[in-house]
N, C-alpha and C. Protein backbone atom coordinates (compact mmCIF):
# COMPACT_ATOMS: atom_id res chain seq x y z
N MET A 1 -84.63 -0.30 -183.24
CA MET A 1 -84.35 -1.57 -183.96
C MET A 1 -84.88 -1.41 -185.36
N ILE A 2 -84.14 -1.70 -186.33
CA ILE A 2 -84.58 -1.70 -187.73
C ILE A 2 -84.69 -3.18 -188.14
N THR A 3 -85.78 -3.45 -188.76
CA THR A 3 -86.00 -4.84 -189.22
C THR A 3 -86.61 -4.89 -190.61
N ASN A 4 -86.47 -5.94 -191.29
CA ASN A 4 -87.02 -6.11 -192.67
C ASN A 4 -88.35 -6.89 -192.48
N LEU A 5 -89.44 -6.33 -192.92
CA LEU A 5 -90.73 -7.01 -192.81
C LEU A 5 -91.25 -7.42 -194.21
N VAL A 6 -91.82 -8.55 -194.27
CA VAL A 6 -92.40 -9.02 -195.51
C VAL A 6 -93.66 -8.21 -195.80
N ILE A 7 -93.87 -7.80 -197.09
CA ILE A 7 -95.09 -7.12 -197.50
C ILE A 7 -96.02 -8.12 -198.11
N THR A 8 -97.16 -8.30 -197.44
CA THR A 8 -98.14 -9.27 -197.95
C THR A 8 -99.34 -8.60 -198.63
N ASP A 9 -99.30 -7.27 -198.69
CA ASP A 9 -100.42 -6.58 -199.32
C ASP A 9 -100.52 -6.91 -200.85
N LEU A 10 -101.64 -7.53 -201.17
CA LEU A 10 -101.78 -8.05 -202.57
C LEU A 10 -101.76 -6.96 -203.61
N SER A 11 -102.34 -5.78 -203.31
CA SER A 11 -102.30 -4.63 -204.25
C SER A 11 -100.89 -4.20 -204.48
N TRP A 12 -100.11 -4.07 -203.41
CA TRP A 12 -98.71 -3.63 -203.54
C TRP A 12 -97.95 -4.66 -204.33
N GLN A 13 -98.18 -5.97 -204.10
CA GLN A 13 -97.35 -6.97 -204.80
C GLN A 13 -97.71 -6.95 -206.29
N TYR A 14 -99.00 -6.92 -206.61
CA TYR A 14 -99.37 -6.91 -208.03
C TYR A 14 -98.94 -5.67 -208.73
N PHE A 15 -99.00 -4.51 -208.05
CA PHE A 15 -98.59 -3.23 -208.59
C PHE A 15 -97.07 -3.37 -208.96
N CYS A 16 -96.28 -3.85 -208.01
CA CYS A 16 -94.84 -3.93 -208.27
C CYS A 16 -94.55 -4.91 -209.39
N GLN A 17 -95.27 -6.06 -209.45
CA GLN A 17 -95.09 -7.02 -210.53
C GLN A 17 -95.41 -6.41 -211.81
N SER A 18 -96.43 -5.52 -211.89
CA SER A 18 -96.84 -4.94 -213.14
C SER A 18 -95.80 -4.02 -213.75
N LEU A 19 -94.86 -3.56 -212.91
CA LEU A 19 -93.80 -2.71 -213.41
C LEU A 19 -92.64 -3.50 -214.11
N ARG A 20 -92.65 -4.82 -213.86
CA ARG A 20 -91.56 -5.60 -214.45
C ARG A 20 -91.73 -5.82 -215.97
N GLY A 21 -90.66 -5.95 -216.68
CA GLY A 21 -90.73 -6.13 -218.08
C GLY A 21 -89.40 -5.84 -218.69
N GLU A 22 -89.34 -6.00 -219.98
CA GLU A 22 -88.06 -5.78 -220.69
C GLU A 22 -87.48 -4.38 -220.55
N SER A 23 -88.42 -3.40 -220.49
CA SER A 23 -87.98 -2.02 -220.47
C SER A 23 -87.76 -1.53 -219.06
N HIS A 24 -87.98 -2.31 -218.07
CA HIS A 24 -87.84 -1.91 -216.66
C HIS A 24 -86.89 -2.94 -215.95
N ASP A 25 -85.69 -2.44 -215.77
CA ASP A 25 -84.75 -3.28 -214.92
C ASP A 25 -84.99 -3.02 -213.49
N PRO A 26 -84.57 -3.91 -212.62
CA PRO A 26 -84.77 -3.69 -211.15
C PRO A 26 -84.37 -2.40 -210.57
N GLN A 27 -83.27 -1.77 -211.01
CA GLN A 27 -82.87 -0.54 -210.51
C GLN A 27 -83.80 0.58 -210.92
N ARG A 28 -84.34 0.52 -212.11
CA ARG A 28 -85.33 1.54 -212.53
C ARG A 28 -86.64 1.35 -211.79
N ILE A 29 -87.03 0.16 -211.50
CA ILE A 29 -88.28 -0.06 -210.75
C ILE A 29 -88.12 0.47 -209.39
N ALA A 30 -86.93 0.18 -208.76
CA ALA A 30 -86.68 0.63 -207.36
C ALA A 30 -86.72 2.19 -207.35
N ALA A 31 -86.18 2.80 -208.33
CA ALA A 31 -86.16 4.32 -208.36
C ALA A 31 -87.56 4.82 -208.52
N GLU A 32 -88.34 4.19 -209.38
CA GLU A 32 -89.72 4.69 -209.61
C GLU A 32 -90.53 4.54 -208.31
N LEU A 33 -90.40 3.35 -207.66
CA LEU A 33 -91.17 3.12 -206.41
C LEU A 33 -90.67 4.04 -205.28
N THR A 34 -89.44 4.35 -205.21
CA THR A 34 -88.90 5.25 -204.24
C THR A 34 -89.49 6.64 -204.48
N GLN A 35 -89.44 7.08 -205.67
CA GLN A 35 -90.05 8.42 -206.00
C GLN A 35 -91.51 8.45 -205.76
N THR A 36 -92.24 7.42 -206.03
CA THR A 36 -93.68 7.34 -205.84
C THR A 36 -93.96 7.54 -204.32
N LEU A 37 -93.19 6.75 -203.53
CA LEU A 37 -93.46 6.78 -202.03
C LEU A 37 -93.00 8.15 -201.47
N GLN A 38 -91.92 8.69 -201.96
CA GLN A 38 -91.45 10.02 -201.42
C GLN A 38 -92.38 11.13 -201.75
N GLU A 39 -93.16 11.03 -202.77
CA GLU A 39 -94.08 12.10 -203.16
C GLU A 39 -95.45 12.03 -202.43
N ARG A 40 -95.63 10.96 -201.61
CA ARG A 40 -96.90 10.78 -201.00
C ARG A 40 -96.70 10.61 -199.47
N LYS A 41 -97.84 10.79 -198.77
CA LYS A 41 -97.87 10.43 -197.34
C LYS A 41 -98.14 8.94 -197.34
N VAL A 42 -97.31 8.18 -196.62
CA VAL A 42 -97.42 6.72 -196.61
C VAL A 42 -97.80 6.19 -195.23
N TYR A 43 -98.74 5.27 -195.24
CA TYR A 43 -99.10 4.59 -194.00
C TYR A 43 -98.99 3.09 -194.24
N LEU A 44 -98.42 2.38 -193.27
CA LEU A 44 -98.26 0.99 -193.36
C LEU A 44 -99.09 0.36 -192.26
N ARG A 45 -99.87 -0.68 -192.62
CA ARG A 45 -100.57 -1.47 -191.59
C ARG A 45 -99.70 -2.66 -191.26
N ILE A 46 -99.34 -2.79 -190.01
CA ILE A 46 -98.51 -3.86 -189.52
C ILE A 46 -99.39 -4.85 -188.79
N GLY A 47 -99.21 -6.07 -189.13
CA GLY A 47 -100.06 -7.14 -188.51
C GLY A 47 -99.11 -8.33 -188.15
N LEU A 48 -99.77 -9.34 -187.60
CA LEU A 48 -99.06 -10.58 -187.25
C LEU A 48 -99.34 -11.70 -188.23
N ALA A 49 -98.29 -12.43 -188.61
CA ALA A 49 -98.54 -13.58 -189.44
C ALA A 49 -99.12 -14.65 -188.64
N ARG A 50 -99.73 -15.64 -189.26
CA ARG A 50 -100.29 -16.78 -188.56
C ARG A 50 -99.08 -17.63 -188.01
N GLY A 51 -99.38 -18.35 -186.94
CA GLY A 51 -98.39 -19.27 -186.44
C GLY A 51 -98.13 -20.40 -187.41
N TRP A 52 -97.02 -21.02 -187.27
CA TRP A 52 -96.70 -22.17 -188.18
C TRP A 52 -95.95 -23.22 -187.38
N ASN A 53 -95.82 -24.39 -187.93
CA ASN A 53 -95.32 -25.59 -187.21
C ASN A 53 -93.92 -25.34 -186.69
N LYS A 54 -93.02 -24.72 -187.55
CA LYS A 54 -91.65 -24.55 -187.15
C LYS A 54 -91.48 -23.72 -185.86
N PHE A 55 -92.31 -22.70 -185.66
CA PHE A 55 -92.21 -21.87 -184.48
C PHE A 55 -93.65 -21.70 -183.91
N PRO A 56 -94.24 -22.72 -183.32
CA PRO A 56 -95.64 -22.59 -182.95
C PRO A 56 -95.87 -21.64 -181.78
N GLU A 57 -94.79 -21.24 -181.05
CA GLU A 57 -95.03 -20.36 -179.92
C GLU A 57 -94.87 -18.87 -180.26
N ARG A 58 -94.70 -18.55 -181.57
CA ARG A 58 -94.61 -17.11 -181.91
C ARG A 58 -95.15 -16.80 -183.27
N CYS A 59 -95.50 -15.55 -183.42
CA CYS A 59 -95.95 -15.03 -184.69
C CYS A 59 -94.94 -13.94 -185.16
N PHE A 60 -94.95 -13.65 -186.43
CA PHE A 60 -93.97 -12.61 -186.90
C PHE A 60 -94.74 -11.43 -187.46
N LEU A 61 -94.07 -10.24 -187.36
CA LEU A 61 -94.70 -9.04 -187.91
C LEU A 61 -94.62 -9.02 -189.45
N GLN A 62 -95.60 -8.44 -190.06
CA GLN A 62 -95.62 -8.32 -191.54
C GLN A 62 -96.36 -6.98 -191.90
N VAL A 63 -96.04 -6.47 -193.06
CA VAL A 63 -96.82 -5.36 -193.57
C VAL A 63 -97.97 -5.92 -194.39
N ASN A 64 -99.17 -5.74 -193.90
CA ASN A 64 -100.29 -6.31 -194.67
C ASN A 64 -101.19 -5.19 -195.19
N GLY A 65 -100.69 -4.03 -195.28
CA GLY A 65 -101.34 -2.93 -195.89
C GLY A 65 -100.45 -1.75 -196.23
N VAL A 66 -100.49 -1.27 -197.48
CA VAL A 66 -99.68 -0.10 -197.91
C VAL A 66 -100.67 0.92 -198.42
N TYR A 67 -100.76 2.04 -197.79
CA TYR A 67 -101.71 3.11 -198.09
C TYR A 67 -100.94 4.40 -198.34
N THR A 68 -101.27 5.11 -199.47
CA THR A 68 -100.62 6.38 -199.72
C THR A 68 -101.68 7.40 -200.01
N PHE A 69 -101.37 8.65 -199.68
CA PHE A 69 -102.25 9.76 -200.10
C PHE A 69 -101.42 10.89 -200.75
N PRO A 70 -101.69 11.11 -202.04
CA PRO A 70 -102.66 10.52 -202.84
C PRO A 70 -102.40 9.05 -203.18
N ASP A 71 -103.43 8.30 -203.54
CA ASP A 71 -103.41 6.89 -203.80
C ASP A 71 -102.48 6.48 -204.89
N TYR A 72 -101.48 5.63 -204.59
CA TYR A 72 -100.50 5.22 -205.62
C TYR A 72 -101.24 4.32 -206.69
N LEU A 73 -102.33 3.76 -206.35
CA LEU A 73 -103.13 2.98 -207.34
C LEU A 73 -104.01 3.81 -208.25
N GLU A 74 -104.18 5.13 -207.87
CA GLU A 74 -104.99 6.04 -208.68
C GLU A 74 -106.39 5.48 -208.89
N GLY A 75 -107.00 4.95 -207.86
CA GLY A 75 -108.37 4.46 -207.93
C GLY A 75 -108.54 3.03 -208.47
N ARG A 76 -107.43 2.42 -208.85
CA ARG A 76 -107.52 1.05 -209.28
C ARG A 76 -107.44 0.13 -208.08
N THR A 77 -107.65 -1.21 -208.31
CA THR A 77 -107.53 -2.17 -207.27
C THR A 77 -106.57 -3.27 -207.68
N PHE A 78 -106.29 -4.21 -206.78
CA PHE A 78 -105.34 -5.29 -207.10
C PHE A 78 -105.77 -6.04 -208.31
N ALA A 79 -107.11 -6.19 -208.60
CA ALA A 79 -107.56 -6.93 -209.77
C ALA A 79 -107.10 -6.24 -211.04
N ASP A 80 -106.88 -4.98 -211.06
CA ASP A 80 -106.43 -4.33 -212.29
C ASP A 80 -104.99 -4.60 -212.60
N PHE A 81 -104.24 -5.10 -211.62
CA PHE A 81 -102.85 -5.45 -211.84
C PHE A 81 -102.54 -6.95 -211.82
N ALA A 82 -103.56 -7.78 -211.51
CA ALA A 82 -103.40 -9.22 -211.33
C ALA A 82 -102.88 -9.82 -212.62
N PRO A 83 -102.01 -10.79 -212.53
CA PRO A 83 -101.41 -11.41 -213.72
C PRO A 83 -102.56 -12.09 -214.52
N ARG A 84 -102.51 -11.94 -215.80
CA ARG A 84 -103.56 -12.56 -216.64
C ARG A 84 -103.18 -14.00 -216.91
N ARG A 85 -104.16 -14.85 -216.77
CA ARG A 85 -103.90 -16.32 -216.97
C ARG A 85 -104.66 -16.65 -218.22
N SER A 86 -103.96 -17.43 -219.08
CA SER A 86 -104.61 -17.85 -220.32
C SER A 86 -105.38 -19.14 -220.00
N LEU A 87 -106.49 -19.32 -220.66
CA LEU A 87 -107.33 -20.60 -220.42
C LEU A 87 -107.06 -21.57 -221.43
């Protein structure tokens, strides 16, 4: 069975968001991410989402960790990619 899982890994989300911009259209970003993942050994941590009111009797699977070797973050952390907020 093939299913689509939500990726909740904050580092992965911020990394992907950092690629967005005027010079990067979605197709180019997808190609870059595909190449990055194909060049590395990839491990996904699968976990359960918390229960919620709409379906209290079940939890859903989610990807809550994306790990690659070598590291796609190249030693950086999610904080290095976090959106900057102006004060």
